[in-house]
Protein backbone atom coordinates (compact mmCIF):
# COMPACT_ATOMS: atom_id res chain seq x y z
CA LYS A 1 63.12 -7.79 163.41
CA GLY A 2 65.54 -10.77 163.32
CA PHE A 3 64.79 -14.41 162.79
CA VAL A 4 61.16 -15.40 162.23
CA LEU A 5 60.07 -19.06 162.33
CA LEU A 6 58.13 -20.26 159.32
CA LYS A 7 55.88 -23.08 160.54
CA LYS A 8 55.24 -24.72 157.14
CA ARG A 9 58.91 -24.58 156.18
CA TRP A 10 59.99 -26.12 159.39
CA VAL A 11 57.73 -29.14 158.74
CA VAL A 12 59.04 -29.60 155.22
CA GLU A 13 62.66 -29.37 156.29
CA ARG A 14 62.00 -31.83 159.21
CA THR A 15 60.40 -34.30 156.82
CA PHE A 16 63.31 -34.06 154.39
CA GLY A 17 65.64 -34.67 157.31
CA TRP A 18 63.73 -37.86 158.10
CA LEU A 19 63.84 -39.02 154.50
CA MET A 20 67.59 -38.53 154.37
CA SER A 21 67.96 -41.13 157.00
CA CYS A 22 67.23 -43.75 154.31
CA ARG A 23 70.41 -44.48 152.48
CA ARG A 24 68.62 -45.34 149.22
CA LEU A 25 66.96 -42.01 148.99
CA VAL A 26 70.19 -39.93 149.52
CA ARG A 27 71.25 -40.71 145.95
CA ASP A 28 68.87 -41.10 143.12
CA TYR A 29 69.61 -44.57 141.78
CA GLU A 30 66.20 -45.28 140.31
CA PHE A 31 65.50 -45.03 136.67
CA LEU A 32 61.76 -44.47 136.89
CA PRO A 33 60.13 -41.63 139.08
CA THR A 34 57.54 -43.99 140.25
CA THR A 35 60.15 -46.21 141.90
CA SER A 36 61.54 -43.28 143.76
CA GLU A 37 58.13 -42.29 144.76
CA THR A 38 57.48 -45.69 146.06
CA PHE A 39 60.60 -45.76 148.07
CA ILE A 40 59.61 -42.40 149.61
CA TYR A 41 56.22 -43.88 150.68
CA LEU A 42 57.89 -46.95 152.16
CA THR A 43 60.35 -44.72 154.11
CA MET A 44 57.53 -42.63 155.41
CA ILE A 45 55.49 -45.70 156.43
CA ARG A 46 58.62 -47.09 158.20
CA ILE A 47 59.18 -43.80 160.09
CA MET A 48 55.53 -43.46 161.13
CA VAL A 49 55.39 -47.14 162.32
CA ARG A 50 58.47 -46.70 164.38
CA ARG A 51 57.11 -43.58 165.92
CA LEU A 52 53.86 -45.38 166.79
CA ALA A 53 55.58 -48.42 168.28
């Protein structure tokens, strides 16, 4: 059949690509998981604000 595009996987891979644009998220420097989660939220907020502007 060949290559079949999986919609959900594409969305996840695209989102991970966006997150990797933030230098601090490329390596896990944080000690607490909540700090890493907070930086992910901040990065996604920044990405969405830039897309809306």
